[in-house]
Protein backbone atom coordinates (compact mmCIF):
# COMPACT_ATOMS: atom_id res chain seq x y z
CA MET A 1 138.39 90.77 80.28
CA LEU A 2 138.23 87.54 82.26
CA SER A 3 141.26 85.32 82.56
CA PHE A 4 141.10 81.81 81.13
CA LYS A 5 140.69 80.26 84.57
CA ASN A 6 138.00 82.69 85.69
CA LYS A 7 136.09 82.28 82.43
CA TYR A 8 135.92 78.50 82.80
CA ILE A 9 135.03 78.69 86.47
CA LEU A 10 132.17 81.02 85.52
CA TYR A 11 131.07 78.59 82.77
CA LEU A 12 131.23 75.70 85.23
CA VAL A 13 129.13 77.51 87.82
CA LEU A 14 126.59 78.49 85.14
CA LEU A 15 126.43 74.89 83.88
CA ASN A 16 125.93 73.62 87.41
CA GLY A 17 123.21 76.22 88.05
CA LEU A 18 121.42 75.28 84.83
CA LEU A 19 121.54 71.56 85.63
CA THR A 20 120.38 72.18 89.20
CA THR A 21 117.47 74.27 87.92
CA LEU A 22 116.50 71.54 85.44
CA LEU A 23 116.72 68.94 88.19
CA VAL A 24 114.46 70.94 90.47
CA LEU A 25 111.94 71.73 87.74
CA GLU A 26 111.86 68.35 86.00
CA GLY A 27 112.94 66.00 88.79
CA ARG A 28 109.39 65.04 89.72
CA ALA A 29 108.66 64.14 86.09
CA ILE A 30 111.58 61.71 86.05
CA PHE A 31 111.50 60.31 89.58
CA GLU A 32 108.58 59.24 91.73
CA THR A 33 110.19 60.13 95.07
CA ALA A 34 112.49 62.89 96.32
CA HIS A 35 115.39 60.57 97.23
CA PRO A 36 116.89 60.42 93.72
CA ILE A 37 116.53 64.18 93.35
CA SER A 38 118.51 64.66 96.56
CA GLY A 39 121.10 62.17 95.30
CA MET A 40 121.41 64.06 92.03
CA ALA A 41 121.85 67.34 93.92
CA VAL A 42 124.72 65.78 95.87
CA ALA A 43 126.20 64.45 92.62
CA LEU A 44 126.05 67.93 91.07
CA VAL A 45 127.88 69.40 94.05
CA ILE A 46 130.53 66.66 93.85
CA PHE A 47 130.98 67.26 90.10
CA LEU A 48 131.23 71.02 90.66
CA VAL A 49 133.88 70.71 93.37
CA TYR A 50 135.85 68.09 91.41
CA GLU A 51 135.83 70.16 88.22
CA LEU A 52 136.85 73.29 90.12
CA LEU A 53 139.82 71.39 91.55
CA VAL A 54 140.80 70.15 88.08
CA ILE A 55 140.61 73.65 86.60
CA LEU A 56 142.60 75.18 89.46
CA PHE A 57 145.23 72.42 89.38
CA MET A 58 145.68 72.54 85.61
CA GLU A 59 145.93 76.32 85.65
CA LYS A 60 148.48 76.35 88.48
CA LYS A 61 150.64 73.30 87.81
CA GLY A 62 149.91 72.60 84.15
CA LYS A 63 151.90 75.53 82.87
CA THR A 64 155.15 74.11 84.19
CA MET A 65 154.54 70.60 82.84
CA PRO A 66 155.38 69.37 79.36
CA VAL A 67 152.29 69.04 77.14
CA ARG A 68 152.37 65.23 77.15
CA LYS A 69 152.53 65.10 80.95
CA SER A 70 149.73 67.64 81.36
CA VAL A 71 147.48 65.53 79.12
CA ASN A 72 148.36 62.43 81.16
CA VAL A 73 147.58 64.26 84.41
CA PHE A 74 144.27 65.46 82.97
CA LEU A 75 143.39 61.90 81.90
CA GLY A 76 144.34 60.72 85.39
CA PHE A 77 141.83 63.20 86.79
CA LYS A 78 139.19 61.79 84.45
CA LEU A 79 139.98 58.25 85.61
CA GLY A 80 139.64 59.44 89.21
CA LYS A 81 136.29 60.98 88.32
CA ILE A 82 135.09 57.65 86.90
CA PHE A 83 136.06 55.85 90.11
CA LEU A 84 134.47 58.57 92.24
CA SER A 85 131.27 58.30 90.18
CA LEU A 86 131.16 54.50 90.48
CA LEU A 87 131.73 54.79 94.22
CA PHE A 88 128.91 57.34 94.48
CA ILE A 89 126.52 55.09 92.54
CA ALA A 90 127.48 52.08 94.70
CA ILE A 91 126.89 54.03 97.91
CA TYR A 92 123.56 55.31 96.59
CA ALA A 93 122.51 51.78 95.59
CA PHE A 94 123.50 50.40 99.00
CA VAL A 95 121.99 53.18 101.14
CA VAL A 96 118.91 54.40 99.28
CA GLU A 97 117.93 51.56 96.91
CA VAL A 98 115.12 53.68 95.41
CA GLU A 99 114.61 54.06 91.65
CA LEU A 100 118.16 52.91 91.01
CA LYS A 101 117.76 52.34 87.27
CA ARG A 102 116.46 55.86 86.60
CA PHE A 103 119.02 57.35 88.97
CA VAL A 104 121.90 55.66 87.15
CA MET A 105 120.60 56.72 83.74
CA VAL A 106 120.28 60.38 84.79
CA PHE A 107 123.64 60.20 86.58
CA ILE A 108 125.32 58.91 83.40
CA ALA A 109 123.71 61.72 81.40
CA LEU A 110 125.10 64.27 83.87
CA TYR A 111 128.49 62.56 83.72
CA PHE A 112 128.58 62.91 79.92
CA ILE A 113 127.55 66.56 80.11
CA TYR A 114 130.46 67.26 82.45
CA LEU A 115 132.75 65.12 80.27
CA PHE A 116 131.88 67.32 77.30
CA PHE A 117 132.65 70.38 79.42
CA ASP A 118 135.99 68.82 80.42
CA THR A 119 136.90 68.08 76.82
CA VAL A 120 136.16 71.64 75.72
CA PHE A 121 138.13 72.97 78.70
CA MET A 122 141.17 70.82 77.92
CA LEU A 123 141.17 71.68 74.21
CA ASN A 124 140.96 75.41 74.94
CA TRP A 125 143.53 75.14 77.73
CA GLU A 126 145.97 73.49 75.31
CA LYS A 127 145.33 76.17 72.66
CA ASP A 128 145.85 78.91 75.24
CA ASN A 129 149.11 77.37 76.44
CA LYS A 130 150.41 76.91 72.89
CA LYS A 131 149.73 80.59 72.15
CA LYS A 132 151.62 81.59 75.30
CA ILE A 133 154.56 79.30 74.44
CA ILE A 134 154.77 80.72 70.89
CA TYR A 135 154.46 84.27 72.23
CA ASP A 136 157.19 83.65 74.85
CA LYS A 137 159.51 82.13 72.22
CA ASN A 138 158.94 85.10 69.90
CA GLU A 139 159.60 87.57 72.72
CA ALA A 140 162.83 85.74 73.61
CA PHE A 141 163.82 85.66 69.94
CA ILE A 142 163.24 89.38 69.48
CA ALA A 143 165.01 90.35 72.71
């Protein structure tokens, strides 16, 4: 059976693969040139790496933090992701300047897909940690 961390990394890689496949198959229907498709591919890689770092950090350091602090750290990661996304859009707008309106709309859709993934991850991570805390307390109580 896969560990919690490995399961979510697998889900993240599958999500990224599905979105990349959709981008390759339907990118020409959305965009007129290949520049936005390349930009979206870079955005998907950035989202994948960022989400992997969040999962690995929360799995490693989150267990030793109080619940309130772990939620604050997770929300800090999400704020960092917003700034990173805005920076990426600004750089794309400055450098490429092609089909910016469509690019931003698709980028925001991808952002919300990953935000949904993040929310599900955090909810399940909290449930998993609460089960472990209750189990550890019961073990200490019995011993």
